[in-house]
Amino acid sequence: MNHVIKYAESRDGIHWTPTGRICIQGKDESEYAFARLAVIHENDTYKMWYSYRGKHYLIGYAESRDGYEWIRMDDRVGIDVSPQGWDSEMIEYPSIFDHQGKRYMLYSGNGFGKTGFGMAVLIGG
């Protein structure tokens, strides 16, 4: 299973035209199953959070100036699995939103959310 994130365009959000252009892929064969991306445009920069599987499922982060070419910055995602508990084995499927001046991330925990889901708040951003 080698899922990657590809670029597509739409004029109405319903009908999409795939381009085949790969935006995010594994650094090597140990990373795969890229899925459930969330993209926002802020201060002339596109910001993307996504799930991927390496040793376990994690949330990654990338930025782009044009929406085509992306630079992975997974070390800047700001969240990792917990030492113990409902999200100690995996975190995945990020959903990003802003509310009352703060940025939030909803995400699933162990067992693809079977044991719970979390809400993280960006501090300092």
PDB file of N, CA and C in Angstrom:
ATOM      1  N   MET A   1       0.848  -1.173   0.000  1.00  0.00           N
ATOM      2  CA  MET A   1       0.000   0.000   0.000  1.00  0.00           C
ATOM      3  C   MET A   1       0.890   1.231   0.000  1.00  0.00           C
ATOM      4  N   ASN A   2       0.876   1.987  -1.070  1.00  0.00           N
ATOM      5  CA  ASN A   2       1.703   3.182  -1.163  1.00  0.00           C
ATOM      6  C   ASN A   2       0.825   4.363  -1.528  1.00  0.00           C
ATOM      7  N   HIS A   3       0.122   4.914  -0.543  1.00  0.00           N
ATOM      8  CA  HIS A   3      -0.712   6.085  -0.781  1.00  0.00           C
ATOM      9  C   HIS A   3       0.155   7.333  -0.774  1.00  0.00           C
ATOM     10  N   VAL A   4      -0.107   8.231  -1.693  1.00  0.00           N
ATOM     11  CA  VAL A   4       0.554   9.528  -1.754  1.00  0.00           C
ATOM     12  C   VAL A   4      -0.542  10.591  -1.835  1.00  0.00           C
ATOM     13  N   ILE A   5      -0.178  11.857  -1.673  1.00  0.00           N
ATOM     14  CA  ILE A   5      -1.138  12.945  -1.806  1.00  0.00           C
ATOM     15  C   ILE A   5      -0.864  13.644  -3.130  1.00  0.00           C
ATOM     16  N   LYS A   6      -1.897  13.706  -3.980  1.00  0.00           N
ATOM     17  CA  LYS A   6      -1.770  14.309  -5.300  1.00  0.00           C
ATOM     18  C   LYS A   6      -2.629  15.559  -5.414  1.00  0.00           C
ATOM     19  N   TYR A   7      -2.271  16.401  -6.365  1.00  0.00           N
ATOM     20  CA  TYR A   7      -2.954  17.666  -6.611  1.00  0.00           C
ATOM     21  C   TYR A   7      -4.107  17.468  -7.593  1.00  0.00           C
ATOM     22  N   ALA A   8      -5.256  18.105  -7.289  1.00  0.00           N
ATOM     23  CA  ALA A   8      -6.401  18.141  -8.194  1.00  0.00           C
ATOM     24  C   ALA A   8      -7.020  19.537  -8.109  1.00  0.00           C
ATOM     25  N   GLU A   9      -7.778  19.923  -9.132  1.00  0.00           N
ATOM     26  CA  GLU A   9      -8.419  21.244  -9.150  1.00  0.00           C
ATOM     27  C   GLU A   9      -9.921  21.097  -9.352  1.00  0.00           C
ATOM     28  N   SER A  10     -10.668  22.097  -8.827  1.00  0.00           N
ATOM     29  CA  SER A  10     -12.116  22.131  -8.982  1.00  0.00           C
ATOM     30  C   SER A  10     -12.587  23.581  -8.997  1.00  0.00           C
ATOM     31  N   ARG A  11     -13.561  23.863  -9.825  1.00  0.00           N
ATOM     32  CA  ARG A  11     -14.161  25.198  -9.850  1.00  0.00           C
ATOM     33  C   ARG A  11     -15.329  25.308  -8.864  1.00  0.00           C
ATOM     34  N   ASP A  12     -15.914  24.163  -8.500  1.00  0.00           N
ATOM     35  CA  ASP A  12     -17.111  24.195  -7.668  1.00  0.00           C
ATOM     36  C   ASP A  12     -17.022  23.344  -6.397  1.00  0.00           C
ATOM     37  N   GLY A  13     -15.916  22.645  -6.171  1.00  0.00           N
ATOM     38  CA  GLY A  13     -15.769  21.801  -4.987  1.00  0.00           C
ATOM     39  C   GLY A  13     -16.497  20.472  -5.096  1.00  0.00           C
ATOM     40  N   ILE A  14     -17.136  20.228  -6.231  1.00  0.00           N
ATOM     41  CA  ILE A  14     -17.860  18.969  -6.449  1.00  0.00           C
ATOM     42  C   ILE A  14     -17.201  18.151  -7.553  1.00  0.00           C
ATOM     43  N   HIS A  15     -16.916  18.785  -8.666  1.00  0.00           N
ATOM     44  CA  HIS A  15     -16.299  18.114  -9.815  1.00  0.00           C
ATOM     45  C   HIS A  15     -14.801  18.433  -9.811  1.00  0.00           C
ATOM     46  N   TRP A  16     -13.978  17.402  -9.764  1.00  0.00           N
ATOM     47  CA  TRP A  16     -12.536  17.556  -9.614  1.00  0.00           C
ATOM     48  C   TRP A  16     -11.801  17.020 -10.832  1.00  0.00           C
ATOM     49  N   THR A  17     -10.701  17.686 -11.179  1.00  0.00           N
ATOM     50  CA  THR A  17      -9.835  17.255 -12.267  1.00  0.00           C
ATOM     51  C   THR A  17      -8.476  16.880 -11.675  1.00  0.00           C
ATOM     52  N   PRO A  18      -8.172  15.585 -11.623  1.00  0.00           N
ATOM     53  CA  PRO A  18      -6.863  15.174 -11.110  1.00  0.00           C
ATOM     54  C   PRO A  18      -5.759  15.517 -12.105  1.00  0.00           C
ATOM     55  N   THR A  19      -4.591  15.853 -11.580  1.00  0.00           N
ATOM     56  CA  THR A  19      -3.457  16.201 -12.439  1.00  0.00           C
ATOM     57  C   THR A  19      -2.386  15.117 -12.445  1.00  0.00           C
ATOM     58  N   GLY A  20      -2.414  14.237 -11.457  1.00  0.00           N
ATOM     59  CA  GLY A  20      -1.368  13.225 -11.343  1.00  0.00           C
ATOM     60  C   GLY A  20      -0.126  13.736 -10.624  1.00  0.00           C
ATOM     61  N   ARG A  21      -0.091  15.016 -10.336  1.00  0.00           N
ATOM     62  CA  ARG A  21       1.069  15.637  -9.680  1.00  0.00           C
ATOM     63  C   ARG A  21       1.124  15.229  -8.204  1.00  0.00           C
ATOM     64  N   ILE A  22       2.226  14.620  -7.786  1.00  0.00           N
ATOM     65  CA  ILE A  22       2.401  14.197  -6.396  1.00  0.00           C
ATOM     66  C   ILE A  22       2.890  15.380  -5.571  1.00  0.00           C
ATOM     67  N   CYS A  23       2.167  15.672  -4.479  1.00  0.00           N
ATOM     68  CA  CYS A  23       2.531  16.765  -3.572  1.00  0.00           C
ATOM     69  C   CYS A  23       3.297  16.250  -2.352  1.00  0.00           C
ATOM     70  N   ILE A  24       2.849  15.145  -1.783  1.00  0.00           N
ATOM     71  CA  ILE A  24       3.466  14.572  -0.586  1.00  0.00           C
ATOM     72  C   ILE A  24       3.601  13.074  -0.785  1.00  0.00           C
ATOM     73  N   GLN A  25       4.788  12.562  -0.485  1.00  0.00           N
ATOM     74  CA  GLN A  25       5.030  11.127  -0.548  1.00  0.00           C
ATOM     75  C   GLN A  25       6.068  10.755   0.501  1.00  0.00           C
ATOM     76  N   GLY A  26       6.259   9.470   0.688  1.00  0.00           N
ATOM     77  CA  GLY A  26       7.210   8.987   1.678  1.00  0.00           C
ATOM     78  C   GLY A  26       8.635   9.375   1.349  1.00  0.00           C
ATOM     79  N   LYS A  27       9.427   9.573   2.409  1.00  0.00           N
ATOM     80  CA  LYS A  27      10.853   9.862   2.235  1.00  0.00           C
ATOM     81  C   LYS A  27      11.583   8.620   1.745  1.00  0.00           C
ATOM     82  N   ASP A  28      11.062   7.452   2.105  1.00  0.00           N
ATOM     83  CA  ASP A  28      11.573   6.169   1.640  1.00  0.00           C
ATOM     84  C   ASP A  28      10.443   5.152   1.790  1.00  0.00           C
ATOM     85  N   GLU A  29      10.731   3.867   1.538  1.00  0.00           N
ATOM     86  CA  GLU A  29       9.680   2.848   1.563  1.00  0.00           C
ATOM     87  C   GLU A  29       9.125   2.557   2.954  1.00  0.00           C
ATOM     88  N   SER A  30       9.733   3.112   4.005  1.00  0.00           N
ATOM     89  CA  SER A  30       9.223   2.886   5.364  1.00  0.00           C
ATOM     90  C   SER A  30       8.051   3.816   5.699  1.00  0.00           C
ATOM     91  N   GLU A  31       7.786   4.821   4.862  1.00  0.00           N
ATOM     92  CA  GLU A  31       6.657   5.721   5.062  1.00  0.00           C
ATOM     93  C   GLU A  31       5.638   5.507   3.947  1.00  0.00           C
ATOM     94  N   TYR A  32       4.385   5.339   4.329  1.00  0.00           N
ATOM     95  CA  TYR A  32       3.343   5.107   3.344  1.00  0.00           C
ATOM     96  C   TYR A  32       1.988   5.448   3.962  1.00  0.00           C
ATOM     97  N   ALA A  33       0.924   5.193   3.253  1.00  0.00           N
ATOM     98  CA  ALA A  33      -0.450   5.396   3.714  1.00  0.00           C
ATOM     99  C   ALA A  33      -0.740   6.861   4.065  1.00  0.00           C
ATOM    100  N   PHE A  34      -0.349   7.775   3.193  1.00  0.00           N
ATOM    101  CA  PHE A  34      -0.653   9.196   3.392  1.00  0.00           C
ATOM    102  C   PHE A  34      -2.152   9.406   3.157  1.00  0.00           C
ATOM    103  N   ALA A  35      -2.795  10.127   4.063  1.00  0.00           N
ATOM    104  CA  ALA A  35      -4.247  10.278   3.968  1.00  0.00           C
ATOM    105  C   ALA A  35      -4.729  11.464   4.792  1.00  0.00           C
ATOM    106  N   ARG A  36      -5.991  11.781   4.652  1.00  0.00           N
ATOM    107  CA  ARG A  36      -6.752  12.760   5.434  1.00  0.00           C
ATOM    108  C   ARG A  36      -6.006  14.067   5.651  1.00  0.00           C
ATOM    109  N   LEU A  37      -5.776  14.772   4.557  1.00  0.00           N
ATOM    110  CA  LEU A  37      -5.071  16.031   4.670  1.00  0.00           C
ATOM    111  C   LEU A  37      -6.011  17.178   4.985  1.00  0.00           C
ATOM    112  N   ALA A  38      -5.466  18.201   5.602  1.00  0.00           N
ATOM    113  CA  ALA A  38      -6.171  19.450   5.894  1.00  0.00           C
ATOM    114  C   ALA A  38      -5.262  20.576   5.438  1.00  0.00           C
ATOM    115  N   VAL A  39      -5.784  21.484   4.601  1.00  0.00           N
ATOM    116  CA  VAL A  39      -4.984  22.575   4.047  1.00  0.00           C
ATOM    117  C   VAL A  39      -5.642  23.910   4.361  1.00  0.00           C
ATOM    118  N   ILE A  40      -4.825  24.874   4.780  1.00  0.00           N
ATOM    119  CA  ILE A  40      -5.291  26.251   4.933  1.00  0.00           C
ATOM    120  C   ILE A  40      -4.317  27.164   4.197  1.00  0.00           C
ATOM    121  N   HIS A  41      -4.789  28.346   3.808  1.00  0.00           N
ATOM    122  CA  HIS A  41      -3.941  29.350   3.172  1.00  0.00           C
ATOM    123  C   HIS A  41      -3.847  30.525   4.135  1.00  0.00           C
ATOM    124  N   GLU A  42      -2.613  30.871   4.518  1.00  0.00           N
ATOM    125  CA  GLU A  42      -2.411  31.905   5.529  1.00  0.00           C
ATOM    126  C   GLU A  42      -1.132  32.680   5.223  1.00  0.00           C
ATOM    127  N   ASN A  43      -1.244  33.993   5.141  1.00  0.00           N
ATOM    128  CA  ASN A  43      -0.073  34.852   4.902  1.00  0.00           C
ATOM    129  C   ASN A  43       0.753  34.392   3.711  1.00  0.00           C
ATOM    130  N   ASP A  44       0.105  34.192   2.570  1.00  0.00           N
ATOM    131  CA  ASP A  44       0.769  33.784   1.318  1.00  0.00           C
ATOM    132  C   ASP A  44       1.424  32.416   1.384  1.00  0.00           C
ATOM    133  N   THR A  45       1.039  31.582   2.353  1.00  0.00           N
ATOM    134  CA  THR A  45       1.596  30.242   2.479  1.00  0.00           C
ATOM    135  C   THR A  45       0.475  29.235   2.662  1.00  0.00           C
ATOM    136  N   TYR A  46       0.538  28.142   1.902  1.00  0.00           N
ATOM    137  CA  TYR A  46      -0.366  27.020   2.124  1.00  0.00           C
ATOM    138  C   TYR A  46       0.253  26.139   3.198  1.00  0.00           C
ATOM    139  N   LYS A  47      -0.579  25.701   4.143  1.00  0.00           N
ATOM    140  CA  LYS A  47      -0.122  24.842   5.240  1.00  0.00           C
ATOM    141  C   LYS A  47      -0.964  23.573   5.222  1.00  0.00           C
ATOM    142  N   MET A  48      -0.284  22.416   5.286  1.00  0.00           N
ATOM    143  CA  MET A  48      -0.966  21.134   5.183  1.00  0.00           C
ATOM    144  C   MET A  48      -0.591  20.227   6.356  1.00  0.00           C
ATOM    145  N   TRP A  49      -1.615  19.633   6.956  1.00  0.00           N
ATOM    146  CA  TRP A  49      -1.436  18.576   7.947  1.00  0.00           C
ATOM    147  C   TRP A  49      -2.001  17.312   7.326  1.00  0.00           C
ATOM    148  N   TYR A  50      -1.405  16.163   7.591  1.00  0.00           N
ATOM    149  CA  TYR A  50      -1.815  14.903   6.973  1.00  0.00           C
ATOM    150  C   TYR A  50      -1.418  13.737   7.875  1.00  0.00           C
ATOM    151  N   SER A  51      -1.997  12.584   7.611  1.00  0.00           N
ATOM    152  CA  SER A  51      -1.627  11.351   8.306  1.00  0.00           C
ATOM    153  C   SER A  51      -0.679  10.560   7.423  1.00  0.00           C
ATOM    154  N   TYR A  52       0.201   9.825   8.068  1.00  0.00           N
ATOM    155  CA  TYR A  52       1.027   8.874   7.336  1.00  0.00           C
ATOM    156  C   TYR A  52       1.481   7.782   8.289  1.00  0.00           C
ATOM    157  N   ARG A  53       1.870   6.672   7.703  1.00  0.00           N
ATOM    158  CA  ARG A  53       2.338   5.565   8.516  1.00  0.00           C
ATOM    159  C   ARG A  53       3.828   5.373   8.307  1.00  0.00           C
ATOM    160  N   GLY A  54       4.544   5.337   9.405  1.00  0.00           N
ATOM    161  CA  GLY A  54       5.952   4.976   9.438  1.00  0.00           C
ATOM    162  C   GLY A  54       6.040   3.799  10.390  1.00  0.00           C
ATOM    163  N   LYS A  55       6.706   3.997  11.502  1.00  0.00           N
ATOM    164  CA  LYS A  55       6.728   2.975  12.549  1.00  0.00           C
ATOM    165  C   LYS A  55       5.311   2.766  13.080  1.00  0.00           C
ATOM    166  N   HIS A  56       4.562   3.861  13.213  1.00  0.00           N
ATOM    167  CA  HIS A  56       3.138   3.845  13.550  1.00  0.00           C
ATOM    168  C   HIS A  56       2.503   5.057  12.870  1.00  0.00           C
ATOM    169  N   TYR A  57       1.199   5.198  12.963  1.00  0.00           N
ATOM    170  CA  TYR A  57       0.542   6.334  12.323  1.00  0.00           C
ATOM    171  C   TYR A  57       0.864   7.623  13.062  1.00  0.00           C
ATOM    172  N   LEU A  58       1.209   8.653  12.289  1.00  0.00           N
ATOM    173  CA  LEU A  58       1.566   9.963  12.820  1.00  0.00           C
ATOM    174  C   LEU A  58       0.893  11.055  12.004  1.00  0.00           C
ATOM    175  N   ILE A  59       0.991  12.274  12.488  1.00  0.00           N
ATOM    176  CA  ILE A  59       0.525  13.439  11.754  1.00  0.00           C
ATOM    177  C   ILE A  59       1.746  14.209  11.275  1.00  0.00           C
ATOM    178  N   GLY A  60       1.758  14.544   9.997  1.00  0.00           N
ATOM    179  CA  GLY A  60       2.846  15.304   9.412  1.00  0.00           C
ATOM    180  C   GLY A  60       2.399  16.711   9.047  1.00  0.00           C
ATOM    181  N   TYR A  61       3.367  17.526   8.628  1.00  0.00           N
ATOM    182  CA  TYR A  61       3.105  18.922   8.287  1.00  0.00           C
ATOM    183  C   TYR A  61       3.979  19.335   7.110  1.00  0.00           C
ATOM    184  N   ALA A  62       3.419  20.153   6.203  1.00  0.00           N
ATOM    185  CA  ALA A  62       4.171  20.666   5.057  1.00  0.00           C
ATOM    186  C   ALA A  62       3.684  22.073   4.717  1.00  0.00           C
ATOM    187  N   GLU A  63       4.533  22.819   3.999  1.00  0.00           N
ATOM    188  CA  GLU A  63       4.173  24.163   3.544  1.00  0.00           C
ATOM    189  C   GLU A  63       4.485  24.305   2.063  1.00  0.00           C
ATOM    190  N   SER A  64       3.733  25.240   1.422  1.00  0.00           N
ATOM    191  CA  SER A  64       3.921  25.520   0.002  1.00  0.00           C
ATOM    192  C   SER A  64       3.583  26.975  -0.270  1.00  0.00           C
ATOM    193  N   ARG A  65       4.302  27.587  -1.187  1.00  0.00           N
ATOM    194  CA  ARG A  65       3.988  28.958  -1.617  1.00  0.00           C
ATOM    195  C   ARG A  65       2.938  28.956  -2.721  1.00  0.00           C
ATOM    196  N   ASP A  66       2.911  27.878  -3.535  1.00  0.00           N
ATOM    197  CA  ASP A  66       2.036  27.862  -4.707  1.00  0.00           C
ATOM    198  C   ASP A  66       0.968  26.770  -4.693  1.00  0.00           C
ATOM    199  N   GLY A  67       0.989  25.870  -3.722  1.00  0.00           N
ATOM    200  CA  GLY A  67       0.024  24.778  -3.666  1.00  0.00           C
ATOM    201  C   GLY A  67       0.410  23.576  -4.507  1.00  0.00           C
ATOM    202  N   TYR A  68       1.505  23.686  -5.270  1.00  0.00           N
ATOM    203  CA  TYR A  68       1.988  22.590  -6.104  1.00  0.00           C
ATOM    204  C   TYR A  68       3.198  21.903  -5.485  1.00  0.00           C
ATOM    205  N   GLU A  69       4.205  22.706  -5.175  1.00  0.00           N
ATOM    206  CA  GLU A  69       5.450  22.189  -4.611  1.00  0.00           C
ATOM    207  C   GLU A  69       5.396  22.331  -3.090  1.00  0.00           C
ATOM    208  N   TRP A  70       5.532  21.221  -2.391  1.00  0.00           N
ATOM    209  CA  TRP A  70       5.403  21.200  -0.935  1.00  0.00           C
ATOM    210  C   TRP A  70       6.726  20.807  -0.287  1.00  0.00           C
ATOM    211  N   ILE A  71       7.010  21.425   0.839  1.00  0.00           N
ATOM    212  CA  ILE A  71       8.199  21.085   1.634  1.00  0.00           C
ATOM    213  C   ILE A  71       7.711  20.457   2.930  1.00  0.00           C
ATOM    214  N   ARG A  72       8.095  19.211   3.146  1.00  0.00           N
ATOM    215  CA  ARG A  72       7.715  18.533   4.386  1.00  0.00           C
ATOM    216  C   ARG A  72       8.495  19.120   5.553  1.00  0.00           C
ATOM    217  N   MET A  73       7.776  19.385   6.622  1.00  0.00           N
ATOM    218  CA  MET A  73       8.354  19.925   7.853  1.00  0.00           C
ATOM    219  C   MET A  73       7.752  19.177   9.037  1.00  0.00           C
ATOM    220  N   ASP A  74       7.790  17.865   8.985  1.00  0.00           N
ATOM    221  CA  ASP A  74       7.140  17.046  10.002  1.00  0.00           C
ATOM    222  C   ASP A  74       7.617  17.366  11.414  1.00  0.00           C
ATOM    223  N   ASP A  75       8.840  17.843  11.542  1.00  0.00           N
ATOM    224  CA  ASP A  75       9.368  18.190  12.869  1.00  0.00           C
ATOM    225  C   ASP A  75       8.670  19.416  13.453  1.00  0.00           C
ATOM    226  N   ARG A  76       7.904  20.163  12.633  1.00  0.00           N
ATOM    227  CA  ARG A  76       7.197  21.357  13.103  1.00  0.00           C
ATOM    228  C   ARG A  76       5.716  21.101  13.389  1.00  0.00           C
ATOM    229  N   VAL A  77       5.259  19.852  13.280  1.00  0.00           N
ATOM    230  CA  VAL A  77       3.837  19.552  13.477  1.00  0.00           C
ATOM    231  C   VAL A  77       3.403  19.832  14.912  1.00  0.00           C
ATOM    232  N   GLY A  78       4.288  19.668  15.881  1.00  0.00           N
ATOM    233  CA  GLY A  78       4.001  20.044  17.261  1.00  0.00           C
ATOM    234  C   GLY A  78       3.212  19.045  18.069  1.00  0.00           C
ATOM    235  N   ILE A  79       2.984  17.849  17.528  1.00  0.00           N
ATOM    236  CA  ILE A  79       2.230  16.831  18.273  1.00  0.00           C
ATOM    237  C   ILE A  79       2.793  15.455  17.935  1.00  0.00           C
ATOM    238  N   ASP A  80       2.794  14.585  18.919  1.00  0.00           N
ATOM    239  CA  ASP A  80       3.297  13.224  18.744  1.00  0.00           C
ATOM    240  C   ASP A  80       2.454  12.302  19.610  1.00  0.00           C
ATOM    241  N   VAL A  81       2.674  11.007  19.483  1.00  0.00           N
ATOM    242  CA  VAL A  81       1.964  10.067  20.343  1.00  0.00           C
ATOM    243  C   VAL A  81       2.322  10.346  21.800  1.00  0.00           C
ATOM    244  N   SER A  82       1.393  10.056  22.696  1.00  0.00           N
ATOM    245  CA  SER A  82       1.608  10.250  24.133  1.00  0.00           C
ATOM    246  C   SER A  82       2.388   9.075  24.718  1.00  0.00           C
ATOM    247  N   PRO A  83       3.033   9.268  25.862  1.00  0.00           N
ATOM    248  CA  PRO A  83       3.765   8.167  26.495  1.00  0.00           C
ATOM    249  C   PRO A  83       2.852   7.000  26.889  1.00  0.00           C
ATOM    250  N   GLN A  84       1.597   7.304  27.194  1.00  0.00           N
ATOM    251  CA  GLN A  84       0.628   6.261  27.547  1.00  0.00           C
ATOM    252  C   GLN A  84      -0.779   6.774  27.290  1.00  0.00           C
ATOM    253  N   GLY A  85      -1.752   5.872  27.260  1.00  0.00           N
ATOM    254  CA  GLY A  85      -3.140   6.293  27.125  1.00  0.00           C
ATOM    255  C   GLY A  85      -3.731   6.081  25.754  1.00  0.00           C
ATOM    256  N   TRP A  86      -4.834   6.757  25.485  1.00  0.00           N
ATOM    257  CA  TRP A  86      -5.671   6.543  24.319  1.00  0.00           C
ATOM    258  C   TRP A  86      -5.002   6.926  22.996  1.00  0.00           C
ATOM    259  N   ASP A  87      -3.932   7.749  23.039  1.00  0.00           N
ATOM    260  CA  ASP A  87      -3.224   8.131  21.805  1.00  0.00           C
ATOM    261  C   ASP A  87      -1.742   7.798  21.900  1.00  0.00           C
ATOM    262  N   SER A  88      -1.406   6.726  22.597  1.00  0.00           N
ATOM    263  CA  SER A  88       0.000   6.344  22.800  1.00  0.00           C
ATOM    264  C   SER A  88       0.554   5.479  21.675  1.00  0.00           C
ATOM    265  N   GLU A  89      -0.311   4.928  20.838  1.00  0.00           N
ATOM    266  CA  GLU A  89       0.134   4.046  19.753  1.00  0.00           C
ATOM    267  C   GLU A  89       0.066   4.725  18.394  1.00  0.00           C
ATOM    268  N   MET A  90      -0.899   5.602  18.213  1.00  0.00           N
ATOM    269  CA  MET A  90      -1.060   6.271  16.922  1.00  0.00           C
ATOM    270  C   MET A  90      -1.842   7.562  17.095  1.00  0.00           C
ATOM    271  N   ILE A  91      -1.532   8.522  16.222  1.00  0.00           N
ATOM    272  CA  ILE A  91      -2.338   9.733  16.051  1.00  0.00           C
ATOM    273  C   ILE A  91      -2.488   9.923  14.545  1.00  0.00           C
ATOM    274  N   GLU A  92      -3.713  10.229  14.115  1.00  0.00           N
ATOM    275  CA  GLU A  92      -3.951  10.357  12.683  1.00  0.00           C
ATOM    276  C   GLU A  92      -5.238  11.120  12.409  1.00  0.00           C
ATOM    277  N   TYR A  93      -5.466  11.393  11.110  1.00  0.00           N
ATOM    278  CA  TYR A  93      -6.662  12.034  10.572  1.00  0.00           C
ATOM    279  C   TYR A  93      -6.897  13.436  11.144  1.00  0.00           C
ATOM    280  N   PRO A  94      -5.946  14.350  10.960  1.00  0.00           N
ATOM    281  CA  PRO A  94      -6.101  15.702  11.506  1.00  0.00           C
ATOM    282  C   PRO A  94      -7.186  16.508  10.792  1.00  0.00           C
ATOM    283  N   SER A  95      -7.874  17.313  11.561  1.00  0.00           N
ATOM    284  CA  SER A  95      -8.827  18.286  11.043  1.00  0.00           C
ATOM    285  C   SER A  95      -8.498  19.612  11.728  1.00  0.00           C
ATOM    286  N   ILE A  96      -8.213  20.637  10.949  1.00  0.00           N
ATOM    287  CA  ILE A  96      -7.743  21.918  11.467  1.00  0.00           C
ATOM    288  C   ILE A  96      -8.839  22.965  11.324  1.00  0.00           C
ATOM    289  N   PHE A  97      -9.022  23.783  12.364  1.00  0.00           N
ATOM    290  CA  PHE A  97      -9.952  24.899  12.262  1.00  0.00           C
ATOM    291  C   PHE A  97      -9.544  25.996  13.237  1.00  0.00           C
ATOM    292  N   ASP A  98      -9.935  27.217  12.905  1.00  0.00           N
ATOM    293  CA  ASP A  98      -9.692  28.373  13.770  1.00  0.00           C
ATOM    294  C   ASP A  98     -11.014  28.788  14.399  1.00  0.00           C
ATOM    295  N   HIS A  99     -10.936  29.184  15.670  1.00  0.00           N
ATOM    296  CA  HIS A  99     -12.124  29.641  16.386  1.00  0.00           C
ATOM    297  C   HIS A  99     -11.709  30.655  17.441  1.00  0.00           C
ATOM    298  N   GLN A 100     -12.309  31.827  17.387  1.00  0.00           N
ATOM    299  CA  GLN A 100     -12.060  32.903  18.338  1.00  0.00           C
ATOM    300  C   GLN A 100     -10.559  33.165  18.543  1.00  0.00           C
ATOM    301  N   GLY A 101      -9.846  33.247  17.416  1.00  0.00           N
ATOM    302  CA  GLY A 101      -8.441  33.607  17.445  1.00  0.00           C
ATOM    303  C   GLY A 101      -7.471  32.496  17.804  1.00  0.00           C
ATOM    304  N   LYS A 102      -7.948  31.275  17.931  1.00  0.00           N
ATOM    305  CA  LYS A 102      -7.070  30.143  18.247  1.00  0.00           C
ATOM    306  C   LYS A 102      -7.195  29.082  17.167  1.00  0.00           C
ATOM    307  N   ARG A 103      -6.122  28.326  16.949  1.00  0.00           N
ATOM    308  CA  ARG A 103      -6.125  27.222  15.983  1.00  0.00           C
ATOM    309  C   ARG A 103      -6.241  25.901  16.736  1.00  0.00           C
ATOM    310  N   TYR A 104      -7.150  25.068  16.257  1.00  0.00           N
ATOM    311  CA  TYR A 104      -7.418  23.774  16.878  1.00  0.00           C
ATOM    312  C   TYR A 104      -7.164  22.643  15.888  1.00  0.00           C
ATOM    313  N   MET A 105      -6.829  21.469  16.428  1.00  0.00           N
ATOM    314  CA  MET A 105      -6.702  20.260  15.628  1.00  0.00           C
ATOM    315  C   MET A 105      -7.483  19.147  16.318  1.00  0.00           C
ATOM    316  N   LEU A 106      -8.415  18.554  15.593  1.00  0.00           N
ATOM    317  CA  LEU A 106      -9.059  17.327  16.031  1.00  0.00           C
ATOM    318  C   LEU A 106      -8.286  16.179  15.409  1.00  0.00           C
ATOM    319  N   TYR A 107      -8.094  15.093  16.135  1.00  0.00           N
ATOM    320  CA  TYR A 107      -7.358  13.954  15.599  1.00  0.00           C
ATOM    321  C   TYR A 107      -7.801  12.673  16.300  1.00  0.00           C
ATOM    322  N   SER A 108      -7.583  11.550  15.641  1.00  0.00           N
ATOM    323  CA  SER A 108      -7.952  10.243  16.178  1.00  0.00           C
ATOM    324  C   SER A 108      -6.770   9.628  16.902  1.00  0.00           C
ATOM    325  N   GLY A 109      -7.078   8.759  17.869  1.00  0.00           N
ATOM    326  CA  GLY A 109      -6.051   8.061  18.636  1.00  0.00           C
ATOM    327  C   GLY A 109      -5.947   6.599  18.248  1.00  0.00           C
ATOM    328  N   ASN A 110      -5.507   5.784  19.196  1.00  0.00           N
ATOM    329  CA  ASN A 110      -5.273   4.355  18.977  1.00  0.00           C
ATOM    330  C   ASN A 110      -6.459   3.678  18.297  1.00  0.00           C
ATOM    331  N   GLY A 111      -6.153   2.688  17.476  1.00  0.00           N
ATOM    332  CA  GLY A 111      -7.206   1.932  16.806  1.00  0.00           C
ATOM    333  C   GLY A 111      -8.032   2.774  15.855  1.00  0.00           C
ATOM    334  N   PHE A 112      -7.416   3.781  15.223  1.00  0.00           N
ATOM    335  CA  PHE A 112      -8.097   4.673  14.273  1.00  0.00           C
ATOM    336  C   PHE A 112      -9.260   5.398  14.938  1.00  0.00           C
ATOM    337  N   GLY A 113      -9.079   5.763  16.211  1.00  0.00           N
ATOM    338  CA  GLY A 113     -10.103   6.493  16.942  1.00  0.00           C
ATOM    339  C   GLY A 113     -10.980   5.611  17.805  1.00  0.00           C
ATOM    340  N   LYS A 114     -10.759   4.309  17.771  1.00  0.00           N
ATOM    341  CA  LYS A 114     -11.574   3.386  18.569  1.00  0.00           C
ATOM    342  C   LYS A 114     -11.519   3.730  20.056  1.00  0.00           C
ATOM    343  N   THR A 115     -10.350   4.178  20.504  1.00  0.00           N
ATOM    344  CA  THR A 115     -10.177   4.481  21.929  1.00  0.00           C
ATOM    345  C   THR A 115     -10.352   5.965  22.239  1.00  0.00           C
ATOM    346  N   GLY A 116     -10.688   6.761  21.223  1.00  0.00           N
ATOM    347  CA  GLY A 116     -10.948   8.170  21.471  1.00  0.00           C
ATOM    348  C   GLY A 116     -10.383   9.077  20.402  1.00  0.00           C
ATOM    349  N   PHE A 117     -10.767  10.345  20.496  1.00  0.00           N
ATOM    350  CA  PHE A 117     -10.197  11.363  19.630  1.00  0.00           C
ATOM    351  C   PHE A 117      -9.843  12.553  20.508  1.00  0.00           C
ATOM    352  N   GLY A 118      -8.924  13.370  20.019  1.00  0.00           N
ATOM    353  CA  GLY A 118      -8.439  14.479  20.809  1.00  0.00           C
ATOM    354  C   GLY A 118      -8.632  15.808  20.126  1.00  0.00           C
ATOM    355  N   MET A 119      -8.466  16.858  20.920  1.00  0.00           N
ATOM    356  CA  MET A 119      -8.463  18.217  20.403  1.00  0.00           C
ATOM    357  C   MET A 119      -7.235  18.901  20.967  1.00  0.00           C
ATOM    358  N   ALA A 120      -6.356  19.330  20.076  1.00  0.00           N
ATOM    359  CA  ALA A 120      -5.140  20.045  20.469  1.00  0.00           C
ATOM    360  C   ALA A 120      -5.310  21.526  20.127  1.00  0.00           C
ATOM    361  N   VAL A 121      -4.667  22.389  20.916  1.00  0.00           N
ATOM    362  CA  VAL A 121      -4.724  23.822  20.699  1.00  0.00           C
ATOM    363  C   VAL A 121      -3.300  24.313  20.420  1.00  0.00           C
ATOM    364  N   LEU A 122      -3.136  25.073  19.320  1.00  0.00           N
ATOM    365  CA  LEU A 122      -1.834  25.651  18.995  1.00  0.00           C
ATOM    366  C   LEU A 122      -1.548  26.792  19.953  1.00  0.00           C
ATOM    367  N   ILE A 123      -0.412  26.718  20.597  1.00  0.00           N
ATOM    368  CA  ILE A 123       0.017  27.767  21.521  1.00  0.00           C
ATOM    369  C   ILE A 123       1.210  28.481  20.915  1.00  0.00           C
ATOM    370  N   GLY A 124       1.127  29.766  20.788  1.00  0.00           N
ATOM    371  CA  GLY A 124       2.261  30.541  20.307  1.00  0.00           C
ATOM    372  C   GLY A 124       2.311  30.739  18.811  1.00  0.00           C
ATOM    373  N   GLY A 125       1.863  29.798  18.011  1.00  0.00           N
ATOM    374  CA  GLY A 125       1.799  29.777  16.572  1.00  0.00           C
ATOM    375  C   GLY A 125       2.458  30.846  15.849  1.00  0.00           C
TER     376      GLY A 125
END
